[in-house]
Amino acid sequence: MKVLWPNFKREIDGIKNLILVVVQHFETLEILMVAFTDEEGWKKTIETGKLSLYSTSRKKSWIKGEESGNFMEVRDIRLDCDGDTILCKVKPCGDGVACHTKARTCFYQDIFGEKLTEAPKEGENERLWFQDHQVFGFASRDERKSHDLYQWGGG
C-alpha cells in the first residue's frame, strides 16, 4: 500500500528532520496533545498502529505509553495541505491520559490559570509563569469572564 510521506523539515532545539503531530481523540475530537515525530517514529506508527513520537528532551523516538501503559491506538492519520503537520486521531488506552502530568489532555487550563478539565494534582504539573498583561482590554477577572471571547474559550 502506498502512503503519503510527510515533509520532515522542522528543526526544534537543534534537532533536524522533525514534524509537528497534533493528537486528537477519535470520538470526542478533543485535542489531547501536540508533539513531534521523526521518520523513525512515523514508520513505527504506520507499522504498529500505536502513536510513536520523538522526545526532544531524551533525543530519541519512543512509542507513546511504552513506560506508562497509556498507549494511543491510531484510528486515522491526516496530513495538512503542506505535508508539514500530521493529525493523528487516536483511542487512548490504559488510564486514558495523554499528558506527562497524568491529566487526560495537556490542555487542561486556560491562559488565566483556571482549570478547565480534570487537572493533575498540585505539584505534578509544570510551572507556568504569568505575566501581568491586560487581556482584551479588561483588567479584572470578572470583566474578562463577561467578555464574549472569554466565554467562547470555555470560561
N, C-alpha and C. Protein backbone atom coordinates (compact mmCIF):
# COMPACT_ATOMS: atom_id res chain seq x y z
N MET A 1 0.84 -1.17 0.00
CA MET A 1 0.00 0.00 0.00
C MET A 1 0.89 1.24 0.00
N LYS A 2 0.55 2.22 -0.79
CA LYS A 2 1.27 3.49 -0.81
C LYS A 2 0.65 4.44 0.20
N VAL A 3 1.50 5.19 0.88
CA VAL A 3 1.03 6.22 1.80
C VAL A 3 1.72 7.53 1.46
N LEU A 4 1.05 8.63 1.72
CA LEU A 4 1.68 9.94 1.54
C LEU A 4 2.79 10.09 2.56
N TRP A 5 3.89 10.69 2.15
CA TRP A 5 5.03 10.85 3.05
C TRP A 5 5.12 12.30 3.50
N PRO A 6 5.11 12.52 4.82
CA PRO A 6 5.18 13.89 5.35
C PRO A 6 6.52 14.56 5.03
N ASN A 7 6.52 15.86 5.19
CA ASN A 7 7.71 16.67 4.98
C ASN A 7 8.38 16.92 6.33
N PHE A 8 9.42 16.17 6.63
CA PHE A 8 10.13 16.28 7.91
C PHE A 8 11.14 17.41 7.82
N LYS A 9 10.68 18.65 7.97
CA LYS A 9 11.55 19.80 7.74
C LYS A 9 11.79 20.67 8.96
N ARG A 10 11.13 20.40 10.07
CA ARG A 10 11.27 21.25 11.25
C ARG A 10 12.58 20.99 11.97
N GLU A 11 13.12 22.06 12.54
CA GLU A 11 14.28 21.94 13.43
C GLU A 11 13.86 22.52 14.78
N ILE A 12 13.91 21.68 15.80
CA ILE A 12 13.49 22.06 17.15
C ILE A 12 14.64 21.78 18.10
N ASP A 13 15.04 22.79 18.85
CA ASP A 13 16.15 22.64 19.82
C ASP A 13 17.39 22.04 19.17
N GLY A 14 17.65 22.42 17.92
CA GLY A 14 18.83 21.93 17.21
C GLY A 14 18.67 20.54 16.62
N ILE A 15 17.49 19.95 16.77
CA ILE A 15 17.23 18.61 16.23
C ILE A 15 16.51 18.77 14.89
N LYS A 16 17.11 18.25 13.84
CA LYS A 16 16.56 18.42 12.50
C LYS A 16 15.63 17.27 12.12
N ASN A 17 14.86 17.51 11.06
CA ASN A 17 14.01 16.50 10.44
C ASN A 17 12.87 16.01 11.32
N LEU A 18 12.21 16.95 11.98
CA LEU A 18 11.04 16.64 12.79
C LEU A 18 9.78 17.18 12.11
N ILE A 19 8.64 16.69 12.54
CA ILE A 19 7.36 17.17 12.05
C ILE A 19 6.41 17.29 13.24
N LEU A 20 5.55 18.28 13.20
CA LEU A 20 4.57 18.51 14.25
C LEU A 20 3.45 17.48 14.15
N VAL A 21 3.04 16.96 15.32
CA VAL A 21 1.94 15.99 15.38
C VAL A 21 0.87 16.52 16.33
N VAL A 22 -0.34 16.71 15.83
CA VAL A 22 -1.48 17.07 16.66
C VAL A 22 -2.21 15.77 16.96
N VAL A 23 -2.45 15.52 18.26
CA VAL A 23 -3.07 14.26 18.67
C VAL A 23 -4.48 14.57 19.17
N GLN A 24 -5.45 13.95 18.53
CA GLN A 24 -6.85 14.24 18.79
C GLN A 24 -7.59 12.94 19.13
N HIS A 25 -8.51 13.00 20.10
CA HIS A 25 -9.33 11.85 20.44
C HIS A 25 -10.24 11.54 19.25
N PHE A 26 -10.27 10.29 18.80
CA PHE A 26 -11.01 9.96 17.59
C PHE A 26 -12.53 10.06 17.74
N GLU A 27 -13.05 9.97 18.96
CA GLU A 27 -14.50 10.08 19.15
C GLU A 27 -14.92 11.48 19.57
N THR A 28 -14.28 12.04 20.59
CA THR A 28 -14.71 13.34 21.12
C THR A 28 -14.13 14.51 20.34
N LEU A 29 -13.07 14.26 19.57
CA LEU A 29 -12.34 15.27 18.79
C LEU A 29 -11.57 16.26 19.67
N GLU A 30 -11.47 15.98 20.96
CA GLU A 30 -10.70 16.82 21.88
C GLU A 30 -9.21 16.71 21.52
N ILE A 31 -8.51 17.84 21.51
CA ILE A 31 -7.07 17.83 21.30
C ILE A 31 -6.43 17.34 22.60
N LEU A 32 -5.66 16.26 22.50
CA LEU A 32 -5.05 15.67 23.68
C LEU A 32 -3.64 16.18 23.92
N MET A 33 -2.89 16.37 22.86
CA MET A 33 -1.52 16.83 22.99
C MET A 33 -0.98 17.26 21.63
N VAL A 34 0.15 17.94 21.66
CA VAL A 34 0.88 18.30 20.45
C VAL A 34 2.32 17.89 20.70
N ALA A 35 2.93 17.23 19.73
CA ALA A 35 4.29 16.73 19.92
C ALA A 35 5.00 16.73 18.56
N PHE A 36 6.15 16.09 18.53
CA PHE A 36 6.92 15.95 17.29
C PHE A 36 7.19 14.48 17.04
N THR A 37 7.44 14.16 15.77
CA THR A 37 7.95 12.84 15.44
C THR A 37 8.99 13.01 14.34
N ASP A 38 9.76 11.95 14.15
CA ASP A 38 10.75 11.91 13.08
C ASP A 38 10.37 10.76 12.15
N GLU A 39 11.20 10.49 11.13
CA GLU A 39 10.87 9.43 10.18
C GLU A 39 10.78 8.07 10.87
N GLU A 40 11.66 7.80 11.81
CA GLU A 40 11.62 6.53 12.53
C GLU A 40 10.29 6.37 13.28
N GLY A 41 9.86 7.43 13.97
CA GLY A 41 8.59 7.40 14.68
C GLY A 41 7.41 7.26 13.74
N TRP A 42 7.47 7.94 12.61
CA TRP A 42 6.42 7.85 11.60
C TRP A 42 6.28 6.40 11.12
N LYS A 43 7.42 5.78 10.80
CA LYS A 43 7.40 4.39 10.33
C LYS A 43 6.84 3.46 11.40
N LYS A 44 7.26 3.66 12.67
CA LYS A 44 6.74 2.82 13.77
C LYS A 44 5.23 2.99 13.92
N THR A 45 4.75 4.23 13.78
CA THR A 45 3.31 4.49 13.88
C THR A 45 2.57 3.72 12.80
N ILE A 46 3.04 3.79 11.57
CA ILE A 46 2.40 3.11 10.44
C ILE A 46 2.45 1.59 10.64
N GLU A 47 3.59 1.08 11.08
CA GLU A 47 3.78 -0.37 11.22
C GLU A 47 3.02 -0.97 12.39
N THR A 48 2.95 -0.25 13.53
CA THR A 48 2.38 -0.82 14.75
C THR A 48 0.96 -0.38 15.04
N GLY A 49 0.54 0.76 14.48
CA GLY A 49 -0.77 1.30 14.81
C GLY A 49 -0.80 2.01 16.15
N LYS A 50 0.38 2.13 16.78
CA LYS A 50 0.50 2.86 18.04
C LYS A 50 1.26 4.15 17.76
N LEU A 51 0.82 5.24 18.39
CA LEU A 51 1.45 6.53 18.18
C LEU A 51 2.89 6.50 18.66
N SER A 52 3.80 6.87 17.78
CA SER A 52 5.21 6.95 18.12
C SER A 52 5.68 8.37 17.87
N LEU A 53 6.37 8.94 18.84
CA LEU A 53 6.77 10.34 18.80
C LEU A 53 8.28 10.47 18.97
N TYR A 54 8.75 11.70 18.91
CA TYR A 54 10.17 11.98 19.15
C TYR A 54 10.27 12.86 20.39
N SER A 55 11.05 12.42 21.35
CA SER A 55 11.26 13.20 22.57
C SER A 55 12.45 14.13 22.35
N THR A 56 12.18 15.43 22.36
CA THR A 56 13.29 16.39 22.19
C THR A 56 14.15 16.45 23.44
N SER A 57 13.62 16.08 24.60
CA SER A 57 14.44 16.08 25.82
C SER A 57 15.31 14.83 25.91
N ARG A 58 14.78 13.68 25.51
CA ARG A 58 15.55 12.43 25.54
C ARG A 58 16.31 12.19 24.24
N LYS A 59 15.97 12.97 23.21
CA LYS A 59 16.58 12.88 21.90
C LYS A 59 16.49 11.48 21.30
N LYS A 60 15.24 10.94 21.31
CA LYS A 60 15.01 9.63 20.70
C LYS A 60 13.53 9.43 20.40
N SER A 61 13.28 8.52 19.46
CA SER A 61 11.91 8.12 19.16
C SER A 61 11.43 7.18 20.25
N TRP A 62 10.13 7.21 20.50
CA TRP A 62 9.55 6.32 21.51
C TRP A 62 8.08 6.12 21.21
N ILE A 63 7.55 5.00 21.61
CA ILE A 63 6.12 4.74 21.44
C ILE A 63 5.42 5.33 22.66
N LYS A 64 4.46 6.22 22.40
CA LYS A 64 3.71 6.85 23.49
C LYS A 64 3.06 5.76 24.34
N GLY A 65 3.38 5.76 25.62
CA GLY A 65 2.81 4.78 26.53
C GLY A 65 3.71 3.60 26.84
N GLU A 66 4.89 3.53 26.21
CA GLU A 66 5.75 2.37 26.44
C GLU A 66 6.22 2.27 27.89
N GLU A 67 6.27 3.38 28.60
CA GLU A 67 6.64 3.34 30.01
C GLU A 67 5.42 3.39 30.93
N SER A 68 4.42 4.16 30.56
CA SER A 68 3.24 4.37 31.43
C SER A 68 2.11 3.37 31.18
N GLY A 69 2.11 2.75 30.00
CA GLY A 69 1.00 1.89 29.63
C GLY A 69 -0.16 2.64 28.99
N ASN A 70 -0.02 3.95 28.87
CA ASN A 70 -1.07 4.79 28.28
C ASN A 70 -0.82 4.96 26.78
N PHE A 71 -0.94 3.84 26.06
CA PHE A 71 -0.73 3.84 24.62
C PHE A 71 -1.83 4.63 23.92
N MET A 72 -1.55 5.04 22.70
CA MET A 72 -2.53 5.71 21.86
C MET A 72 -2.67 4.88 20.59
N GLU A 73 -3.82 4.20 20.45
CA GLU A 73 -4.10 3.44 19.24
C GLU A 73 -4.51 4.40 18.14
N VAL A 74 -3.81 4.37 17.03
CA VAL A 74 -4.10 5.30 15.94
C VAL A 74 -5.29 4.77 15.14
N ARG A 75 -6.30 5.62 14.98
CA ARG A 75 -7.51 5.26 14.23
C ARG A 75 -7.56 5.95 12.87
N ASP A 76 -6.89 7.10 12.73
CA ASP A 76 -6.89 7.83 11.46
C ASP A 76 -5.69 8.75 11.46
N ILE A 77 -5.09 8.94 10.30
CA ILE A 77 -3.96 9.86 10.15
C ILE A 77 -4.24 10.75 8.95
N ARG A 78 -4.01 12.04 9.15
CA ARG A 78 -4.18 13.00 8.06
C ARG A 78 -2.96 13.91 8.01
N LEU A 79 -2.67 14.40 6.83
CA LEU A 79 -1.61 15.39 6.63
C LEU A 79 -2.27 16.70 6.24
N ASP A 80 -1.66 17.82 6.67
CA ASP A 80 -2.19 19.11 6.24
C ASP A 80 -1.80 19.36 4.79
N CYS A 81 -2.24 20.48 4.26
CA CYS A 81 -2.06 20.79 2.84
C CYS A 81 -0.59 20.87 2.42
N ASP A 82 0.30 21.25 3.33
CA ASP A 82 1.72 21.36 3.02
C ASP A 82 2.49 20.08 3.32
N GLY A 83 1.84 19.14 4.00
CA GLY A 83 2.53 17.91 4.39
C GLY A 83 3.51 18.12 5.52
N ASP A 84 3.37 19.25 6.26
CA ASP A 84 4.34 19.51 7.33
C ASP A 84 3.71 19.45 8.73
N THR A 85 2.49 18.95 8.82
CA THR A 85 1.84 18.71 10.10
C THR A 85 0.99 17.45 9.97
N ILE A 86 1.09 16.58 10.97
CA ILE A 86 0.31 15.34 10.99
C ILE A 86 -0.79 15.49 12.03
N LEU A 87 -1.99 15.04 11.68
CA LEU A 87 -3.09 14.93 12.64
C LEU A 87 -3.33 13.45 12.86
N CYS A 88 -3.14 13.00 14.10
CA CYS A 88 -3.41 11.61 14.46
C CYS A 88 -4.64 11.56 15.33
N LYS A 89 -5.66 10.86 14.85
CA LYS A 89 -6.86 10.63 15.66
C LYS A 89 -6.65 9.29 16.35
N VAL A 90 -6.75 9.31 17.69
CA VAL A 90 -6.34 8.15 18.47
C VAL A 90 -7.42 7.71 19.45
N LYS A 91 -7.28 6.47 19.89
CA LYS A 91 -8.06 5.96 21.01
C LYS A 91 -7.08 5.79 22.17
N PRO A 92 -7.22 6.60 23.23
CA PRO A 92 -6.33 6.47 24.38
C PRO A 92 -6.57 5.13 25.09
N CYS A 93 -5.50 4.47 25.50
CA CYS A 93 -5.58 3.20 26.21
C CYS A 93 -5.01 3.35 27.62
N GLY A 94 -5.03 2.30 28.38
CA GLY A 94 -4.54 2.35 29.75
C GLY A 94 -5.45 3.21 30.60
N ASP A 95 -4.87 4.18 31.30
CA ASP A 95 -5.64 5.09 32.15
C ASP A 95 -6.33 6.19 31.34
N GLY A 96 -6.07 6.24 30.04
CA GLY A 96 -6.71 7.23 29.19
C GLY A 96 -6.13 8.62 29.31
N VAL A 97 -4.89 8.73 29.79
CA VAL A 97 -4.27 10.04 29.93
C VAL A 97 -3.25 10.26 28.81
N ALA A 98 -3.15 11.49 28.37
CA ALA A 98 -2.22 11.84 27.31
C ALA A 98 -1.02 12.62 27.85
N CYS A 99 -1.23 13.40 28.89
CA CYS A 99 -0.21 14.33 29.39
C CYS A 99 0.76 13.63 30.35
N HIS A 100 2.01 14.08 30.32
CA HIS A 100 3.01 13.53 31.25
C HIS A 100 2.68 13.88 32.70
N THR A 101 1.75 14.82 32.90
CA THR A 101 1.35 15.19 34.27
C THR A 101 0.23 14.28 34.79
N LYS A 102 -0.16 13.32 33.98
CA LYS A 102 -1.23 12.37 34.29
C LYS A 102 -2.62 12.95 34.10
N ALA A 103 -2.71 14.05 33.36
CA ALA A 103 -4.01 14.62 33.01
C ALA A 103 -4.49 13.98 31.70
N ARG A 104 -5.79 13.96 31.49
CA ARG A 104 -6.38 13.38 30.28
C ARG A 104 -5.88 14.09 29.02
N THR A 105 -5.71 15.40 29.11
CA THR A 105 -5.23 16.21 27.99
C THR A 105 -4.17 17.18 28.50
N CYS A 106 -3.28 17.58 27.64
CA CYS A 106 -2.27 18.58 28.03
C CYS A 106 -2.89 19.97 28.13
N PHE A 107 -4.09 20.15 27.60
CA PHE A 107 -4.74 21.45 27.54
C PHE A 107 -5.83 21.55 28.61
N TYR A 108 -5.42 21.46 29.87
CA TYR A 108 -6.39 21.44 30.97
C TYR A 108 -6.56 22.78 31.66
N GLN A 109 -5.90 23.82 31.21
CA GLN A 109 -6.10 25.13 31.83
C GLN A 109 -6.12 26.22 30.77
N ASP A 110 -6.83 27.31 31.10
CA ASP A 110 -6.86 28.42 30.16
C ASP A 110 -5.70 29.37 30.46
N ILE A 111 -5.59 30.43 29.71
CA ILE A 111 -4.44 31.33 29.86
C ILE A 111 -4.49 32.14 31.15
N PHE A 112 -5.60 32.08 31.88
CA PHE A 112 -5.71 32.78 33.14
C PHE A 112 -5.37 31.87 34.32
N GLY A 113 -5.01 30.61 34.03
CA GLY A 113 -4.63 29.67 35.07
C GLY A 113 -5.79 28.91 35.66
N GLU A 114 -6.98 29.11 35.11
CA GLU A 114 -8.14 28.39 35.62
C GLU A 114 -8.19 27.00 35.01
N LYS A 115 -8.46 26.00 35.85
CA LYS A 115 -8.52 24.62 35.39
C LYS A 115 -9.84 24.42 34.65
N LEU A 116 -9.75 23.93 33.42
CA LEU A 116 -10.95 23.74 32.60
C LEU A 116 -11.45 22.31 32.65
N THR A 117 -10.56 21.37 32.87
CA THR A 117 -10.90 19.96 32.93
C THR A 117 -10.19 19.36 34.13
N GLU A 118 -10.37 18.08 34.32
CA GLU A 118 -9.68 17.41 35.41
C GLU A 118 -8.18 17.62 35.26
N ALA A 119 -7.58 18.24 36.23
CA ALA A 119 -6.16 18.60 36.18
C ALA A 119 -5.36 17.67 37.09
N PRO A 120 -4.06 17.62 36.87
CA PRO A 120 -3.23 16.81 37.75
C PRO A 120 -3.20 17.38 39.17
N LYS A 121 -2.77 16.56 40.10
CA LYS A 121 -2.64 17.02 41.48
C LYS A 121 -1.60 18.12 41.56
N GLU A 122 -1.76 18.98 42.54
CA GLU A 122 -0.83 20.10 42.72
C GLU A 122 0.58 19.57 42.81
N GLY A 123 1.50 20.19 42.12
CA GLY A 123 2.89 19.79 42.16
C GLY A 123 3.28 18.85 41.04
N GLU A 124 2.30 18.21 40.38
CA GLU A 124 2.62 17.30 39.29
C GLU A 124 2.73 18.02 37.95
N ASN A 125 2.17 19.22 37.87
CA ASN A 125 2.19 19.91 36.59
C ASN A 125 3.38 20.86 36.49
N GLU A 126 3.71 21.18 35.26
CA GLU A 126 4.79 22.13 35.01
C GLU A 126 4.38 23.49 35.54
N ARG A 127 5.33 24.25 36.01
CA ARG A 127 5.01 25.59 36.49
C ARG A 127 5.03 26.56 35.33
N LEU A 128 3.92 27.22 35.13
CA LEU A 128 3.82 28.23 34.08
C LEU A 128 3.87 29.60 34.74
N TRP A 129 4.62 30.50 34.16
CA TRP A 129 4.78 31.84 34.73
C TRP A 129 3.80 32.79 34.07
N PHE A 130 3.13 33.58 34.89
CA PHE A 130 2.18 34.55 34.38
C PHE A 130 2.84 35.92 34.27
N GLN A 131 2.49 36.62 33.23
CA GLN A 131 2.93 37.99 33.07
C GLN A 131 1.73 38.88 33.28
N ASP A 132 1.95 40.04 33.82
CA ASP A 132 0.85 40.94 34.13
C ASP A 132 0.49 41.76 32.89
N HIS A 133 -0.48 41.26 32.16
CA HIS A 133 -0.97 41.95 30.97
C HIS A 133 -2.48 42.05 31.06
N GLN A 134 -3.00 43.14 30.54
CA GLN A 134 -4.45 43.22 30.40
C GLN A 134 -4.84 42.36 29.20
N VAL A 135 -5.92 41.63 29.35
CA VAL A 135 -6.38 40.76 28.28
C VAL A 135 -7.66 41.31 27.70
N PHE A 136 -7.69 41.52 26.41
CA PHE A 136 -8.84 42.08 25.71
C PHE A 136 -9.22 43.44 26.29
N GLY A 137 -8.28 44.12 26.92
CA GLY A 137 -8.54 45.44 27.48
C GLY A 137 -9.22 45.42 28.84
N PHE A 138 -9.38 44.25 29.45
CA PHE A 138 -10.05 44.15 30.75
C PHE A 138 -9.02 43.81 31.82
N ALA A 139 -9.09 44.49 32.93
CA ALA A 139 -8.11 44.28 33.99
C ALA A 139 -8.55 43.21 34.99
N SER A 140 -9.84 43.15 35.32
CA SER A 140 -10.26 42.22 36.36
C SER A 140 -10.77 40.91 35.77
N ARG A 141 -10.71 39.87 36.58
CA ARG A 141 -11.19 38.54 36.16
C ARG A 141 -12.69 38.59 35.83
N ASP A 142 -13.48 39.34 36.63
CA ASP A 142 -14.91 39.43 36.36
C ASP A 142 -15.18 40.09 35.01
N GLU A 143 -14.41 41.13 34.70
CA GLU A 143 -14.56 41.78 33.40
C GLU A 143 -14.20 40.82 32.27
N ARG A 144 -13.14 40.02 32.46
CA ARG A 144 -12.75 39.06 31.43
C ARG A 144 -13.83 38.01 31.23
N LYS A 145 -14.42 37.53 32.32
CA LYS A 145 -15.43 36.48 32.20
C LYS A 145 -16.67 36.96 31.47
N SER A 146 -16.95 38.24 31.51
CA SER A 146 -18.13 38.75 30.83
C SER A 146 -17.86 39.02 29.35
N HIS A 147 -16.62 38.93 28.92
CA HIS A 147 -16.26 39.21 27.53
C HIS A 147 -16.58 38.01 26.64
N ASP A 148 -17.11 38.27 25.45
CA ASP A 148 -17.52 37.20 24.54
C ASP A 148 -16.38 36.24 24.23
N LEU A 149 -15.17 36.73 23.98
CA LEU A 149 -14.06 35.85 23.62
C LEU A 149 -13.71 34.91 24.77
N TYR A 150 -13.80 35.40 26.00
CA TYR A 150 -13.53 34.55 27.15
C TYR A 150 -14.61 33.47 27.27
N GLN A 151 -15.86 33.84 27.06
CA GLN A 151 -16.95 32.87 27.12
C GLN A 151 -16.78 31.81 26.03
N TRP A 152 -16.40 32.22 24.85
CA TRP A 152 -16.18 31.28 23.76
C TRP A 152 -15.09 30.29 24.12
N GLY A 153 -14.09 30.74 24.86
CA GLY A 153 -12.96 29.90 25.24
C GLY A 153 -13.24 28.96 26.38
N GLY A 154 -14.45 28.92 26.88
CA GLY A 154 -14.80 27.95 27.91
C GLY A 154 -14.81 28.50 29.32
N GLY A 155 -14.72 29.82 29.49
CA GLY A 155 -14.62 30.41 30.82
C GLY A 155 -15.85 30.50 31.58
